[in-house]
Amino acid sequence: MTLRRVVLCAILIVLAVVVEVTVLAPLDFPGATPSLVLVTVAALAFAFGPVTGSACGFAAGLLIDLAPPATGTLGISALILTVVGYALGRVFDSDSRPLVVTTLLTAAAAALAILAGAVLGGLLGNPRIVWGDVPVMILTGALYAAILSLPLVPLVRRIARTFVPEAFPR
């Protein structure tokens, strides 16, 4: 990865973590809290591919796991977001696909990430997992991710093209 790409990814990930932890988490959303970090990782994976997507997913997941109030098992979010970043980066180049496809893929990734987090948390004995709430959290998490991805994926793509033009051959 070039230095410009690393700097851009770091800025976007830190900004997403700070906004999610300080602004979105305290708000009382029905169901799940919107995962701005997951959508940012998805947008970076769509823009730069699987290697950058997985690296950004790992860094973002580790920051989320360490951000206060860090009550879960360290590494679960890092593992899940690494897989999400790699998988979405492998799917395709987001320039050649309609926005509705990237939105649906981001929503599906959010739903699977919530399910994976619940399963891993349950296997590791997290007492905060309430299995009756998981279906509602999956649906609302996917809906919030779809809504957030509509403006965020094109915006990150535009910023990436401007800040790291060598990554986008003409």
Protein backbone atom coordinates (compact mmCIF):
# COMPACT_ATOMS: atom_id res chain seq x y z
CA MET A 1 0.00 0.00 0.00
CA THR A 2 1.20 3.46 -0.76
CA LEU A 3 1.62 6.03 1.98
CA ARG A 4 -1.26 8.11 0.64
CA ARG A 5 -3.57 5.10 0.73
CA VAL A 6 -2.52 4.26 4.30
CA VAL A 7 -3.08 7.84 5.44
CA LEU A 8 -6.49 8.02 3.74
CA CYS A 9 -7.61 4.71 5.21
CA ALA A 10 -6.36 5.67 8.68
CA ILE A 11 -8.16 9.01 8.62
CA LEU A 12 -11.44 7.50 7.43
CA ILE A 13 -11.31 4.61 9.91
CA VAL A 14 -10.46 6.77 12.92
CA LEU A 15 -13.17 9.24 11.93
CA ALA A 16 -15.72 6.43 11.55
CA VAL A 17 -14.79 4.89 14.92
CA VAL A 18 -14.98 8.22 16.72
CA VAL A 19 -18.36 9.10 15.18
CA GLU A 20 -19.80 5.65 15.85
CA VAL A 21 -18.63 5.53 19.48
CA THR A 22 -19.37 9.14 20.44
CA VAL A 23 -22.39 10.06 18.30
CA LEU A 24 -24.22 6.95 17.10
CA ALA A 25 -23.81 4.59 20.07
CA PRO A 26 -25.39 6.90 22.70
CA LEU A 27 -28.46 7.51 20.51
CA ASP A 28 -31.43 5.24 21.09
CA PHE A 29 -31.92 3.55 17.71
CA PRO A 30 -34.48 0.77 17.48
CA GLY A 31 -32.61 -2.52 17.20
CA ALA A 32 -28.92 -2.34 16.35
CA THR A 33 -26.66 0.70 16.42
CA PRO A 34 -25.75 1.79 12.87
CA SER A 35 -22.31 0.43 12.03
CA LEU A 36 -20.56 3.33 10.36
CA VAL A 37 -17.26 1.48 10.75
CA LEU A 38 -18.48 -1.56 8.79
CA VAL A 39 -19.82 0.66 5.99
CA THR A 40 -16.52 2.56 5.87
CA VAL A 41 -14.56 -0.70 5.65
CA ALA A 42 -16.92 -1.86 2.89
CA ALA A 43 -16.45 1.40 0.98
CA LEU A 44 -12.66 1.17 1.29
CA ALA A 45 -12.75 -2.48 0.16
CA PHE A 46 -14.89 -1.55 -2.85
CA ALA A 47 -12.47 1.26 -3.71
CA PHE A 48 -9.11 -0.46 -3.16
CA GLY A 49 -9.68 -4.23 -3.26
CA PRO A 50 -9.32 -7.19 -0.91
CA VAL A 51 -5.85 -6.59 0.55
CA THR A 52 -6.56 -3.01 1.59
CA GLY A 53 -10.10 -4.01 2.60
CA SER A 54 -8.87 -6.72 4.94
CA ALA A 55 -6.13 -4.50 6.42
CA CYS A 56 -8.63 -1.70 6.99
CA GLY A 57 -11.11 -4.18 8.45
CA PHE A 58 -8.56 -5.50 10.91
CA ALA A 59 -7.47 -2.02 12.01
CA ALA A 60 -11.05 -0.78 12.31
CA GLY A 61 -12.14 -3.88 14.21
CA LEU A 62 -9.25 -3.58 16.62
CA LEU A 63 -10.08 0.08 17.25
CA ILE A 64 -13.75 -0.78 17.86
CA ASP A 65 -12.74 -3.60 20.22
CA LEU A 66 -10.51 -1.20 22.19
CA ALA A 67 -12.82 1.82 22.15
CA PRO A 68 -14.67 2.55 25.39
CA PRO A 69 -16.78 0.91 26.64
CA ALA A 70 -14.77 -2.16 25.61
CA THR A 71 -16.87 -4.93 27.13
CA GLY A 72 -16.62 -7.71 24.56
CA THR A 73 -13.86 -10.16 23.79
CA LEU A 74 -10.87 -8.46 22.16
CA GLY A 75 -10.50 -9.45 18.53
CA ILE A 76 -14.02 -10.51 17.56
CA SER A 77 -14.77 -7.30 15.67
CA ALA A 78 -11.28 -7.34 14.15
CA LEU A 79 -11.81 -10.87 12.85
CA ILE A 80 -15.26 -10.15 11.47
CA LEU A 81 -14.32 -6.87 9.79
CA THR A 82 -11.17 -8.44 8.30
CA VAL A 83 -13.32 -11.08 6.62
CA VAL A 84 -15.87 -8.46 5.52
CA GLY A 85 -13.16 -6.23 4.04
CA TYR A 86 -11.56 -9.11 2.18
CA ALA A 87 -14.83 -10.58 0.90
CA LEU A 88 -16.27 -7.29 -0.32
CA GLY A 89 -12.95 -6.33 -1.91
CA ARG A 90 -12.91 -9.62 -3.82
CA VAL A 91 -16.42 -9.18 -5.18
CA PHE A 92 -15.81 -6.49 -7.76
CA ASP A 93 -14.76 -2.98 -8.65
CA SER A 94 -17.51 -0.65 -7.46
CA ASP A 95 -17.14 1.64 -10.49
CA SER A 96 -18.49 -1.03 -12.81
CA ARG A 97 -21.52 -1.93 -10.70
CA PRO A 98 -24.67 0.02 -9.85
CA LEU A 99 -24.96 1.64 -6.45
CA VAL A 100 -27.89 -0.59 -5.58
CA VAL A 101 -25.64 -3.67 -5.82
CA THR A 102 -23.00 -2.21 -3.51
CA THR A 103 -25.77 -1.15 -1.13
CA LEU A 104 -27.27 -4.65 -1.04
CA LEU A 105 -23.84 -6.24 -0.55
CA THR A 106 -23.05 -3.86 2.30
CA ALA A 107 -26.40 -4.61 3.94
CA ALA A 108 -25.81 -8.36 3.59
CA ALA A 109 -22.31 -7.97 5.06
CA ALA A 110 -23.76 -6.04 8.02
CA ALA A 111 -26.37 -8.74 8.64
CA LEU A 112 -23.77 -11.50 8.49
CA ALA A 113 -21.40 -9.51 10.72
CA ILE A 114 -24.08 -9.16 13.40
CA LEU A 115 -24.88 -12.87 13.18
CA ALA A 116 -21.18 -13.80 13.33
CA GLY A 117 -20.65 -11.50 16.30
CA ALA A 118 -23.56 -13.09 18.14
CA VAL A 119 -22.39 -16.62 17.37
CA LEU A 120 -18.77 -15.95 18.34
CA GLY A 121 -19.83 -14.01 21.42
CA GLY A 122 -22.14 -16.85 22.43
CA LEU A 123 -19.42 -19.44 21.90
CA LEU A 124 -17.01 -17.41 24.02
CA GLY A 125 -19.56 -16.95 26.79
CA ASN A 126 -20.53 -13.29 26.39
CA PRO A 127 -23.47 -12.79 28.81
CA ARG A 128 -24.72 -9.74 26.88
CA ILE A 129 -25.92 -11.88 23.94
CA VAL A 130 -29.73 -12.10 23.99
CA TRP A 131 -30.70 -14.57 21.28
CA GLY A 132 -34.26 -13.26 21.10
CA ASP A 133 -32.95 -9.85 20.02
CA VAL A 134 -30.60 -11.15 17.32
CA PRO A 135 -33.15 -11.32 14.44
CA VAL A 136 -34.28 -7.73 15.05
CA MET A 137 -30.66 -6.59 15.29
CA ILE A 138 -29.82 -8.34 12.01
CA LEU A 139 -32.71 -6.67 10.18
CA THR A 140 -32.14 -3.19 11.61
CA GLY A 141 -28.35 -3.45 11.21
CA ALA A 142 -28.75 -4.36 7.55
CA LEU A 143 -31.23 -1.51 7.02
CA TYR A 144 -28.94 1.04 8.70
CA ALA A 145 -25.95 -0.20 6.68
CA ALA A 146 -27.93 0.12 3.44
CA ILE A 147 -28.96 3.67 4.31
CA LEU A 148 -25.42 4.67 5.31
CA SER A 149 -23.86 3.07 2.24
CA LEU A 150 -25.95 5.07 -0.23
CA PRO A 151 -23.98 8.30 0.34
CA LEU A 152 -20.82 6.84 1.87
CA VAL A 153 -19.66 4.37 -0.82
CA PRO A 154 -19.69 6.96 -3.66
CA LEU A 155 -18.17 9.60 -1.35
CA VAL A 156 -15.28 7.34 -0.31
CA ARG A 157 -14.74 6.35 -3.93
CA ARG A 158 -14.58 10.01 -4.99
CA ILE A 159 -12.20 10.88 -2.13
CA ALA A 160 -10.02 7.86 -2.96
CA ARG A 161 -9.82 8.84 -6.64
CA THR A 162 -8.77 12.36 -5.67
CA PHE A 163 -6.33 11.47 -2.90
CA VAL A 164 -4.82 8.28 -4.38
CA PRO A 165 -5.14 8.65 -8.19
CA GLU A 166 -2.43 6.05 -8.93
CA ALA A 167 -4.74 3.32 -7.58
CA PHE A 168 -7.26 4.00 -10.32
CA PRO A 169 -5.73 3.53 -13.78
CA ARG A 170 -7.69 5.13 -16.59
